[in-house]
C-alpha atoms as a PDB file:
ATOM      1  CA  MET A   1      13.098  15.297  -8.681  1.00  0.00           C
ATOM      2  CA  HIS A   2      15.888  13.334 -10.046  1.00  0.00           C
ATOM      3  CA  TYR A   3      16.600  10.913 -12.543  1.00  0.00           C
ATOM      4  CA  VAL A   4      18.676   7.893 -12.222  1.00  0.00           C
ATOM      5  CA  LYS A   5      19.526   4.841 -14.441  1.00  0.00           C
ATOM      6  CA  ALA A   6      18.732   1.451 -12.830  1.00  0.00           C
ATOM      7  CA  LYS A   7      20.578  -1.699 -13.032  1.00  0.00           C
ATOM      8  CA  GLY A   8      17.296  -3.337 -12.668  1.00  0.00           C
ATOM      9  CA  ILE A   9      13.658  -3.320 -11.557  1.00  0.00           C
ATOM     10  CA  LEU A  10      12.198  -6.697 -10.638  1.00  0.00           C
ATOM     11  CA  SER A  11      13.125  -8.120  -6.908  1.00  0.00           C
ATOM     12  CA  PRO A  12      13.728 -11.780  -6.755  1.00  0.00           C
ATOM     13  CA  LYS A  13      10.098 -11.606  -5.355  1.00  0.00           C
ATOM     14  CA  ASN A  14       8.906  -9.621  -8.625  1.00  0.00           C
ATOM     15  CA  GLY A  15       8.506  -6.341  -7.126  1.00  0.00           C
ATOM     16  CA  MET A  16       9.455  -3.151  -8.280  1.00  0.00           C
ATOM     17  CA  ASN A  17       9.760   0.317  -7.305  1.00  0.00           C
ATOM     18  CA  LEU A  18       9.592   2.822  -9.863  1.00  0.00           C
ATOM     19  CA  TYR A  19      10.518   5.968  -7.620  1.00  0.00           C
ATOM     20  CA  ARG A  20      12.242   6.444  -4.571  1.00  0.00           C
ATOM     21  CA  GLY A  21      11.039   8.538  -2.130  1.00  0.00           C
ATOM     22  CA  CYS A  22       7.763   9.720  -1.458  1.00  0.00           C
ATOM     23  CA  SER A  23       5.426  13.270  -0.933  1.00  0.00           C
ATOM     24  CA  HIS A  24       2.929  12.009   1.179  1.00  0.00           C
ATOM     25  CA  GLY A  25       4.616  13.040   3.898  1.00  0.00           C
ATOM     26  CA  CYS A  26       2.799  10.302   6.531  1.00  0.00           C
ATOM     27  CA  ILE A  27       5.203  11.127  10.190  1.00  0.00           C
ATOM     28  CA  TYR A  28       5.674   7.111  10.915  1.00  0.00           C
ATOM     29  CA  CYS A  29       6.746   6.405   7.516  1.00  0.00           C
ATOM     30  CA  ASP A  30       9.483   2.928   7.584  1.00  0.00           C
ATOM     31  CA  SER A  31      10.896   4.234   4.300  1.00  0.00           C
ATOM     32  CA  ARG A  32      12.695   7.069   5.912  1.00  0.00           C
ATOM     33  CA  SER A  33      14.795   4.247   7.490  1.00  0.00           C
ATOM     34  CA  LYS A  34      18.462   4.497   6.785  1.00  0.00           C
ATOM     35  CA  CYS A  35      19.023   0.988   6.598  1.00  0.00           C
ATOM     36  CA  TYR A  36      17.070   1.549   3.079  1.00  0.00           C
ATOM     37  CA  HIS A  37      20.747   3.429   2.142  1.00  0.00           C
ATOM     38  CA  MET A  38      18.237   6.390   0.468  1.00  0.00           C
ATOM     39  CA  ASP A  39      21.252   8.880  -0.461  1.00  0.00           C
ATOM     40  CA  HIS A  40      19.111  11.767  -1.193  1.00  0.00           C
ATOM     41  CA  ALA A  41      16.328  13.695   1.011  1.00  0.00           C
ATOM     42  CA  PHE A  42      13.168  11.776   1.051  1.00  0.00           C
ATOM     43  CA  GLU A  43      11.134  14.386  -0.671  1.00  0.00           C
ATOM     44  CA  ASP A  44      12.994  14.282  -3.387  1.00  0.00           C
ATOM     45  CA  ILE A  45      12.056  11.481  -6.001  1.00  0.00           C
ATOM     46  CA  GLU A  46      14.050   9.565  -7.673  1.00  0.00           C
ATOM     47  CA  ILE A  47      13.073   8.527 -11.018  1.00  0.00           C
ATOM     48  CA  LYS A  48      14.076   5.647 -12.236  1.00  0.00           C
ATOM     49  CA  GLU A  49      14.200   6.936 -16.176  1.00  0.00           C
ATOM     50  CA  ASN A  50      14.999   3.696 -17.647  1.00  0.00           C
ATOM     51  CA  ALA A  51      12.392   1.413 -15.498  1.00  0.00           C
ATOM     52  CA  ILE A  52       9.895   0.689 -18.642  1.00  0.00           C
ATOM     53  CA  GLU A  53      12.540  -0.570 -20.464  1.00  0.00           C
ATOM     54  CA  LEU A  54      14.266  -2.639 -17.947  1.00  0.00           C
ATOM     55  CA  LEU A  55      10.327  -4.057 -17.086  1.00  0.00           C
ATOM     56  CA  GLU A  56       9.815  -4.896 -20.526  1.00  0.00           C
ATOM     57  CA  ASP A  57      12.812  -6.929 -20.641  1.00  0.00           C
ATOM     58  CA  ALA A  58      12.111  -8.596 -17.710  1.00  0.00           C
ATOM     59  CA  LEU A  59       8.684  -9.427 -18.511  1.00  0.00           C
ATOM     60  CA  ARG A  60       9.787 -11.141 -21.931  1.00  0.00           C
ATOM     61  CA  ARG A  61      12.378 -13.069 -20.490  1.00  0.00           C
ATOM     62  CA  LYS A  62      10.110 -14.310 -17.506  1.00  0.00           C
ATOM     63  CA  ARG A  63       9.338 -18.504 -18.070  1.00  0.00           C
ATOM     64  CA  GLN A  64       6.724 -18.448 -16.161  1.00  0.00           C
ATOM     65  CA  LYS A  65       3.882 -15.699 -15.555  1.00  0.00           C
ATOM     66  CA  CYS A  66       3.199 -14.360 -12.030  1.00  0.00           C
ATOM     67  CA  MET A  67       2.169 -11.613  -9.844  1.00  0.00           C
ATOM     68  CA  ILE A  68       4.017  -8.351 -10.080  1.00  0.00           C
ATOM     69  CA  GLY A  69       3.965  -6.006  -7.057  1.00  0.00           C
ATOM     70  CA  THR A  70       4.714  -2.323  -6.420  1.00  0.00           C
ATOM     71  CA  GLY A  71       3.980   0.108  -3.676  1.00  0.00           C
ATOM     72  CA  SER A  72       5.923  -1.817  -0.651  1.00  0.00           C
ATOM     73  CA  MET A  73       8.659   1.041  -0.508  1.00  0.00           C
ATOM     74  CA  THR A  74       7.177   3.978  -2.089  1.00  0.00           C
ATOM     75  CA  ASP A  75       3.456   4.893  -2.895  1.00  0.00           C
ATOM     76  CA  PRO A  76       3.491   4.806  -6.790  1.00  0.00           C
ATOM     77  CA  TYR A  77       0.650   7.326  -7.086  1.00  0.00           C
ATOM     78  CA  ILE A  78       2.826  10.135  -6.019  1.00  0.00           C
ATOM     79  CA  PRO A  79       1.829  13.760  -7.802  1.00  0.00           C
ATOM     80  CA  LEU A  80       4.470  12.976 -10.029  1.00  0.00           C
ATOM     81  CA  GLU A  81       3.199  10.049 -11.588  1.00  0.00           C
ATOM     82  CA  MET A  82       0.368  12.388 -13.208  1.00  0.00           C
ATOM     83  CA  GLU A  83       2.595  13.824 -14.997  1.00  0.00           C
ATOM     84  CA  LEU A  84       5.320  10.891 -15.864  1.00  0.00           C
ATOM     85  CA  GLY A  85       2.440   7.814 -16.289  1.00  0.00           C
ATOM     86  CA  TYR A  86       5.304   5.400 -15.241  1.00  0.00           C
ATOM     87  CA  VAL A  87       2.644   3.440 -13.292  1.00  0.00           C
ATOM     88  CA  ARG A  88       0.283   3.439 -16.324  1.00  0.00           C
ATOM     89  CA  LYS A  89       3.017   2.344 -19.052  1.00  0.00           C
ATOM     90  CA  ALA A  90       3.822  -0.757 -16.757  1.00  0.00           C
ATOM     91  CA  LEU A  91       0.177  -1.653 -16.605  1.00  0.00           C
ATOM     92  CA  SER A  92       0.087  -1.729 -20.139  1.00  0.00           C
ATOM     93  CA  LEU A  93       3.008  -3.634 -20.092  1.00  0.00           C
ATOM     94  CA  ILE A  94       1.975  -6.261 -17.356  1.00  0.00           C
ATOM     95  CA  TYR A  95      -1.465  -6.628 -19.093  1.00  0.00           C
ATOM     96  CA  GLU A  96       0.486  -7.118 -22.592  1.00  0.00           C
ATOM     97  CA  TYR A  97       2.641  -9.492 -21.464  1.00  0.00           C
ATOM     98  CA  GLY A  98      -0.009 -11.575 -19.268  1.00  0.00           C
ATOM     99  CA  PHE A  99       1.070 -10.899 -15.712  1.00  0.00           C
ATOM    100  CA  GLY A 100      -0.721 -10.085 -12.338  1.00  0.00           C
ATOM    101  CA  PHE A 101      -0.502  -7.322 -10.349  1.00  0.00           C
ATOM    102  CA  THR A 102      -0.711  -5.747  -7.150  1.00  0.00           C
ATOM    103  CA  VAL A 103      -0.026  -2.446  -5.866  1.00  0.00           C
ATOM    104  CA  ILE A 104      -0.132  -0.693  -2.495  1.00  0.00           C
ATOM    105  CA  THR A 105      -1.351   3.019  -2.432  1.00  0.00           C
ATOM    106  CA  LYS A 106      -3.176   5.596  -0.459  1.00  0.00           C
ATOM    107  CA  SER A 107      -4.066   7.301  -3.407  1.00  0.00           C
ATOM    108  CA  ASP A 108      -7.172   7.763  -5.128  1.00  0.00           C
ATOM    109  CA  ARG A 109      -5.154   8.721  -7.970  1.00  0.00           C
ATOM    110  CA  ILE A 110      -5.092   4.873  -8.713  1.00  0.00           C
ATOM    111  CA  LEU A 111      -8.763   5.625 -10.348  1.00  0.00           C
ATOM    112  CA  ARG A 112      -7.087   7.041 -13.274  1.00  0.00           C
ATOM    113  CA  ASP A 113      -6.213   3.390 -13.981  1.00  0.00           C
ATOM    114  CA  LEU A 114      -9.338   1.354 -13.414  1.00  0.00           C
ATOM    115  CA  ASP A 115      -9.532   0.751 -17.021  1.00  0.00           C
ATOM    116  CA  LEU A 116      -6.418  -1.364 -16.777  1.00  0.00           C
ATOM    117  CA  LEU A 117      -7.145  -2.957 -13.589  1.00  0.00           C
ATOM    118  CA  GLN A 118     -10.184  -4.303 -14.968  1.00  0.00           C
ATOM    119  CA  LYS A 119      -8.214  -5.450 -18.131  1.00  0.00           C
ATOM    120  CA  ILE A 120      -5.859  -7.274 -15.802  1.00  0.00           C
ATOM    121  CA  ASN A 121      -8.354  -8.931 -13.694  1.00  0.00           C
ATOM    122  CA  ARG A 122     -10.409  -9.735 -16.480  1.00  0.00           C
ATOM    123  CA  ARG A 123      -7.656 -11.828 -17.641  1.00  0.00           C
ATOM    124  CA  THR A 124      -5.477 -12.774 -14.148  1.00  0.00           C
ATOM    125  CA  LYS A 125      -5.586 -11.245 -11.202  1.00  0.00           C
ATOM    126  CA  CYS A 126      -5.514  -7.648 -10.027  1.00  0.00           C
ATOM    127  CA  VAL A 127      -5.445  -7.212  -6.539  1.00  0.00           C
ATOM    128  CA  VAL A 128      -5.383  -3.297  -4.806  1.00  0.00           C
ATOM    129  CA  GLN A 129      -3.735  -2.783  -1.316  1.00  0.00           C
ATOM    130  CA  MET A 130      -5.425   0.244   0.513  1.00  0.00           C
ATOM    131  CA  THR A 131      -3.694   1.226   3.542  1.00  0.00           C
ATOM    132  CA  LEU A 132      -5.929   2.699   6.333  1.00  0.00           C
ATOM    133  CA  THR A 133      -4.908   3.921   9.896  1.00  0.00           C
ATOM    134  CA  THR A 134      -7.499   6.535  10.976  1.00  0.00           C
ATOM    135  CA  TYR A 135     -10.843   6.994  11.255  1.00  0.00           C
ATOM    136  CA  ASP A 136     -11.359  10.447  12.302  1.00  0.00           C
ATOM    137  CA  GLU A 137     -10.324  12.641   9.335  1.00  0.00           C
ATOM    138  CA  THR A 138      -9.222  15.584  11.242  1.00  0.00           C
ATOM    139  CA  LEU A 139      -6.365  13.163  12.816  1.00  0.00           C
ATOM    140  CA  CYS A 140      -5.833  11.626   9.604  1.00  0.00           C
ATOM    141  CA  LYS A 141      -4.685  14.795   8.103  1.00  0.00           C
ATOM    142  CA  MET A 142      -2.320  15.158  10.908  1.00  0.00           C
ATOM    143  CA  LEU A 143      -0.756  11.912  10.338  1.00  0.00           C
ATOM    144  CA  GLU A 144      -0.967  11.802   6.570  1.00  0.00           C
ATOM    145  CA  PRO A 145      -0.923  15.013   5.734  1.00  0.00           C
ATOM    146  CA  ASN A 146      -0.134  15.386   1.731  1.00  0.00           C
ATOM    147  CA  VAL A 147      -2.556  12.249   0.611  1.00  0.00           C
ATOM    148  CA  CYS A 148      -6.258  11.610   0.303  1.00  0.00           C
ATOM    149  CA  THR A 149      -8.255  10.884   3.277  1.00  0.00           C
ATOM    150  CA  THR A 150      -9.571   7.747   4.789  1.00  0.00           C
ATOM    151  CA  LYS A 151     -13.146   8.566   3.638  1.00  0.00           C
ATOM    152  CA  GLU A 152     -11.543   9.231   0.531  1.00  0.00           C
ATOM    153  CA  ARG A 153     -10.044   5.852   0.237  1.00  0.00           C
ATOM    154  CA  PHE A 154     -13.438   4.372   1.638  1.00  0.00           C
ATOM    155  CA  GLU A 155     -14.938   5.987  -1.787  1.00  0.00           C
ATOM    156  CA  VAL A 156     -12.072   3.955  -3.816  1.00  0.00           C
ATOM    157  CA  LEU A 157     -12.314   0.667  -2.385  1.00  0.00           C
ATOM    158  CA  LYS A 158     -16.082   0.976  -3.363  1.00  0.00           C
ATOM    159  CA  LYS A 159     -15.309   1.539  -6.750  1.00  0.00           C
ATOM    160  CA  LEU A 160     -12.888  -1.077  -7.100  1.00  0.00           C
ATOM    161  CA  ARG A 161     -15.732  -3.006  -5.529  1.00  0.00           C
ATOM    162  CA  ASP A 162     -18.048  -2.104  -7.761  1.00  0.00           C
ATOM    163  CA  ALA A 163     -15.583  -2.971 -10.716  1.00  0.00           C
ATOM    164  CA  GLY A 164     -14.987  -6.131  -9.213  1.00  0.00           C
ATOM    165  CA  ILE A 165     -11.456  -5.741  -8.505  1.00  0.00           C
ATOM    166  CA  PRO A 166     -10.342  -7.360  -5.003  1.00  0.00           C
ATOM    167  CA  THR A 167      -9.247  -5.400  -2.135  1.00  0.00           C
ATOM    168  CA  VAL A 168      -6.596  -5.983   1.117  1.00  0.00           C
ATOM    169  CA  VAL A 169      -6.718  -3.409   3.579  1.00  0.00           C
ATOM    170  CA  TRP A 170      -3.333  -2.388   5.565  1.00  0.00           C
ATOM    171  CA  LEU A 171      -4.377  -1.938   9.180  1.00  0.00           C
ATOM    172  CA  SER A 172      -0.886  -0.486  10.045  1.00  0.00           C
ATOM    173  CA  PRO A 173       0.679   1.133  12.133  1.00  0.00           C
ATOM    174  CA  ILE A 174      -1.946   2.022  14.885  1.00  0.00           C
ATOM    175  CA  LEU A 175       0.176   4.630  17.100  1.00  0.00           C
ATOM    176  CA  PRO A 176      -0.098   4.326  20.840  1.00  0.00           C
ATOM    177  CA  PHE A 177      -1.568   6.859  22.708  1.00  0.00           C
ATOM    178  CA  ILE A 178      -2.843   8.231  19.422  1.00  0.00           C
ATOM    179  CA  ASN A 179      -5.150   6.019  17.427  1.00  0.00           C
ATOM    180  CA  ASP A 180      -5.049   3.235  19.318  1.00  0.00           C
ATOM    181  CA  THR A 181      -8.544   3.009  20.067  1.00  0.00           C
ATOM    182  CA  GLU A 182     -11.485   0.727  19.905  1.00  0.00           C
ATOM    183  CA  GLU A 183     -13.529   3.564  18.324  1.00  0.00           C
ATOM    184  CA  ASN A 184     -10.762   4.230  15.771  1.00  0.00           C
ATOM    185  CA  ILE A 185     -10.383   0.156  15.055  1.00  0.00           C
ATOM    186  CA  PHE A 186     -14.148  -0.070  14.723  1.00  0.00           C
ATOM    187  CA  GLY A 187     -14.509   2.642  12.527  1.00  0.00           C
ATOM    188  CA  ILE A 188     -12.449   1.522   9.900  1.00  0.00           C
ATOM    189  CA  LEU A 189     -13.605  -2.009  10.134  1.00  0.00           C
ATOM    190  CA  ASP A 190     -17.209  -0.742   9.329  1.00  0.00           C
ATOM    191  CA  LEU A 191     -15.563   0.873   6.251  1.00  0.00           C
ATOM    192  CA  CYS A 192     -13.916  -2.612   5.376  1.00  0.00           C
ATOM    193  CA  ILE A 193     -16.985  -4.352   5.827  1.00  0.00           C
ATOM    194  CA  GLU A 194     -19.478  -2.140   3.874  1.00  0.00           C
ATOM    195  CA  ALA A 195     -16.363  -2.012   0.856  1.00  0.00           C
ATOM    196  CA  LYS A 196     -16.604  -5.696   0.982  1.00  0.00           C
ATOM    197  CA  VAL A 197     -12.744  -6.145   1.053  1.00  0.00           C
ATOM    198  CA  HIS A 198     -10.696  -9.640   0.700  1.00  0.00           C
ATOM    199  CA  GLY A 199      -8.949  -9.275   3.720  1.00  0.00           C
ATOM    200  CA  ILE A 200      -7.293  -7.095   6.348  1.00  0.00           C
ATOM    201  CA  ILE A 201      -3.908  -7.387   7.205  1.00  0.00           C
ATOM    202  CA  CYS A 202      -2.840  -6.463  10.391  1.00  0.00           C
ATOM    203  CA  PHE A 203       0.578  -7.626  12.591  1.00  0.00           C
ATOM    204  CA  GLY A 204      -0.599  -5.576  15.632  1.00  0.00           C
ATOM    205  CA  MET A 205      -1.463  -2.756  17.290  1.00  0.00           C
ATOM    206  CA  GLY A 206       1.370  -0.717  17.472  1.00  0.00           C
ATOM    207  CA  LEU A 207       4.252   0.800  15.087  1.00  0.00           C
ATOM    208  CA  THR A 208       8.334  -0.138  14.078  1.00  0.00           C
ATOM    209  CA  LEU A 209      10.795   2.650  14.573  1.00  0.00           C
ATOM    210  CA  ARG A 210      14.261   2.649  13.105  1.00  0.00           C
ATOM    211  CA  ASP A 211      17.071   4.952  12.623  1.00  0.00           C
ATOM    212  CA  GLY A 212      15.968   7.385  10.343  1.00  0.00           C
ATOM    213  CA  ASN A 213      11.911   7.065  10.354  1.00  0.00           C
ATOM    214  CA  ARG A 214      12.230   7.207  14.277  1.00  0.00           C
ATOM    215  CA  GLU A 215      14.009  10.733  14.450  1.00  0.00           C
ATOM    216  CA  TYR A 216      11.248  12.136  11.959  1.00  0.00           C
ATOM    217  CA  PHE A 217       8.564  10.718  13.701  1.00  0.00           C
ATOM    218  CA  TYR A 218       9.504  12.270  16.941  1.00  0.00           C
ATOM    219  CA  SER A 219       9.907  15.393  15.188  1.00  0.00           C
ATOM    220  CA  GLN A 220       6.449  15.107  14.000  1.00  0.00           C
ATOM    221  CA  LEU A 221       5.311  14.551  17.880  1.00  0.00           C
ATOM    222  CA  ASP A 222       7.063  17.403  19.043  1.00  0.00           C
ATOM    223  CA  LYS A 223       5.175  19.885  16.717  1.00  0.00           C
ATOM    224  CA  LEU A 224       1.856  17.811  16.377  1.00  0.00           C
ATOM    225  CA  PHE A 225       1.257  15.972  20.021  1.00  0.00           C
ATOM    226  CA  PRO A 226       3.503  17.920  22.576  1.00  0.00           C
ATOM    227  CA  HIS A 227       5.330  16.316  25.217  1.00  0.00           C
ATOM    228  CA  LEU A 228       4.011  12.822  23.821  1.00  0.00           C
ATOM    229  CA  LYS A 229       7.801  12.450  22.021  1.00  0.00           C
ATOM    230  CA  GLU A 230       8.586  12.102  26.252  1.00  0.00           C
ATOM    231  CA  LYS A 231       5.912   9.593  27.049  1.00  0.00           C
ATOM    232  CA  TYR A 232       7.277   7.408  24.015  1.00  0.00           C
ATOM    233  CA  ILE A 233      10.916   7.617  24.920  1.00  0.00           C
ATOM    234  CA  ARG A 234       9.929   6.501  28.744  1.00  0.00           C
ATOM    235  CA  LYS A 235       7.921   3.268  27.772  1.00  0.00           C
ATOM    236  CA  TYR A 236       9.971   2.319  24.517  1.00  0.00           C
ATOM    237  CA  GLY A 237      13.441   3.795  24.648  1.00  0.00           C
ATOM    238  CA  ASN A 238      14.911   2.617  21.576  1.00  0.00           C
ATOM    239  CA  GLN A 239      12.511  -0.410  20.947  1.00  0.00           C
ATOM    240  CA  TYR A 240      11.909  -1.515  17.213  1.00  0.00           C
ATOM    241  CA  GLU A 241       8.156  -2.589  18.075  1.00  0.00           C
ATOM    242  CA  LEU A 242       6.218  -0.249  19.921  1.00  0.00           C
ATOM    243  CA  SER A 243       2.925  -2.184  20.657  1.00  0.00           C
ATOM    244  CA  SER A 244       0.246  -0.300  22.290  1.00  0.00           C
ATOM    245  CA  PRO A 245      -1.025  -1.001  25.893  1.00  0.00           C
ATOM    246  CA  ASP A 246      -3.869  -1.910  24.359  1.00  0.00           C
ATOM    247  CA  ASN A 247      -2.589  -4.507  21.813  1.00  0.00           C
ATOM    248  CA  ASP A 248      -4.288  -7.540  22.800  1.00  0.00           C
ATOM    249  CA  ARG A 249      -7.760  -6.806  23.859  1.00  0.00           C
ATOM    250  CA  LEU A 250      -7.788  -4.795  20.261  1.00  0.00           C
ATOM    251  CA  MET A 251      -6.482  -7.896  18.209  1.00  0.00           C
ATOM    252  CA  ARG A 252      -9.156  -9.682  19.874  1.00  0.00           C
ATOM    253  CA  LEU A 253     -11.757  -7.499  18.898  1.00  0.00           C
ATOM    254  CA  PHE A 254     -10.528  -7.152  15.432  1.00  0.00           C
ATOM    255  CA  HIS A 255     -10.046 -10.891  14.891  1.00  0.00           C
ATOM    256  CA  LEU A 256     -13.623 -11.375  16.089  1.00  0.00           C
ATOM    257  CA  ARG A 257     -14.954  -8.475  13.831  1.00  0.00           C
ATOM    258  CA  CYS A 258     -13.277 -10.437  10.711  1.00  0.00           C
ATOM    259  CA  SER A 259     -14.115 -13.421  11.188  1.00  0.00           C
ATOM    260  CA  GLU A 260     -17.935 -12.369  12.058  1.00  0.00           C
ATOM    261  CA  ASN A 261     -17.882 -10.427   8.508  1.00  0.00           C
ATOM    262  CA  GLY A 262     -16.283 -13.073   6.528  1.00  0.00           C
ATOM    263  CA  ILE A 263     -12.982 -11.467   6.172  1.00  0.00           C
ATOM    264  CA  VAL A 264     -10.105 -13.019   5.794  1.00  0.00           C
ATOM    265  CA  HIS A 265      -7.485 -11.714   8.659  1.00  0.00           C
ATOM    266  CA  ASN A 266      -4.455 -14.285   8.615  1.00  0.00           C
ATOM    267  CA  ASN A 267      -1.787 -12.779   7.163  1.00  0.00           C
ATOM    268  CA  ASN A 268      -0.032 -15.562   6.091  1.00  0.00           C
ATOM    269  CA  GLN A 269      -3.695 -16.570   4.079  1.00  0.00           C
ATOM    270  CA  ILE A 270      -3.570 -13.219   2.522  1.00  0.00           C
ATOM    271  CA  PHE A 271       0.128 -13.288   1.518  1.00  0.00           C
ATOM    272  CA  GLU A 272      -0.464 -16.199  -0.162  1.00  0.00           C
ATOM    273  CA  TYR A 273      -3.565 -15.276  -2.363  1.00  0.00           C
ATOM    274  CA  LEU A 274      -1.392 -11.587  -3.289  1.00  0.00           C
ATOM    275  CA  HIS A 275       1.429 -14.260  -4.955  1.00  0.00           C
ATOM    276  CA  ARG A 276      -0.590 -16.563  -6.307  1.00  0.00           C
ATOM    277  CA  PHE A 277      -0.925 -16.223 -10.045  1.00  0.00           C
ATOM    278  CA  GLU A 278      -4.443 -17.191 -11.509  1.00  0.00           C
ATOM    279  CA  GLN A 279      -5.018 -17.746 -15.326  1.00  0.00           C
ATOM    280  CA  LYS A 280      -9.079 -16.659 -16.224  1.00  0.00           C
ATOM    281  CA  GLU A 281      -8.828 -15.800 -19.919  1.00  0.00           C
ATOM    282  CA  THR A 282      -6.312 -16.113 -22.426  1.00  0.00           C
ATOM    283  CA  ALA A 283      -5.491 -13.368 -24.915  1.00  0.00           C
ATOM    284  CA  THR A 284      -7.152 -14.596 -27.699  1.00  0.00           C
ATOM    285  CA  GLN A 285     -10.397 -15.518 -25.854  1.00  0.00           C
ATOM    286  CA  LEU A 286     -10.002 -11.531 -24.390  1.00  0.00           C
ATOM    287  CA  SER A 287      -9.670 -10.459 -27.785  1.00  0.00           C
ATOM    288  CA  LEU A 288     -12.604 -11.775 -28.181  1.00  0.00           C
ATOM    289  CA  TRP A 289     -14.748 -10.603 -25.769  1.00  0.00           C
ATOM    290  CA  ASP A 290     -13.425  -7.156 -26.075  1.00  0.00           C
ATOM    291  CA  ASN A 291     -15.384  -7.296 -29.659  1.00  0.00           C
ATOM    292  CA  PHE A 292     -18.308  -7.727 -27.872  1.00  0.00           C
ATOM    293  CA  VAL A 293     -18.509  -4.532 -25.304  1.00  0.00           C
END
């Protein structure tokens, strides 16, 4: 790991990355792409040492409350977070200043902060987004080796459900010739149905590859699935979007299953929901409520 001083922390759309780089080891990670100009080894985590100060200053200056998001580039619940506590400090500020919060993660470490997530959700809105790609536990450990498995993430989703915190699942990526099967899709959807997720984001059955993440992905295919890289190259060349040959059928099944079970599956509707700030209780109301619990 290494430290840097950042110039700012919130993007124009109110997203933040407290860290850059990741140690989860997912073989398909888009954040390895060269277009993001990460000038250090991906596993050498960059820590924005002044992130919390920058965040407090940004929240104090904002004229309107909004949703603050994190996790789009780097999963914030990497092991280092348990030592440094940047996410927890950020959550405390977000709650203190009355903002909403949403996070994308694959890690059960998020349960450490369940108390703060509930407090934010009681006052405004807190949505946890969790990525699920692979129903088979053995395959999951191959594709996403250094983070909790799908079964463990499912347990997190159920605990969030029981805590009254809405959840959204990212069904992505679905790797051609690896996990693009009806069994895999239905297995994940069954978990989502039981966990009563609000919505599932899916851009199609496939993945994207760019310079940087393509090379890493192919190197992992060579280790895990001999000769599959050659099949990818023959079929897709250097395409950015690699769609499963079974995309159309699997997408029909996906939309039908979601409709039958009341799960939002329109990406635009879900993103609108994630960005919409909602005020439930004022700070005064919440303080009075807390005195009785």
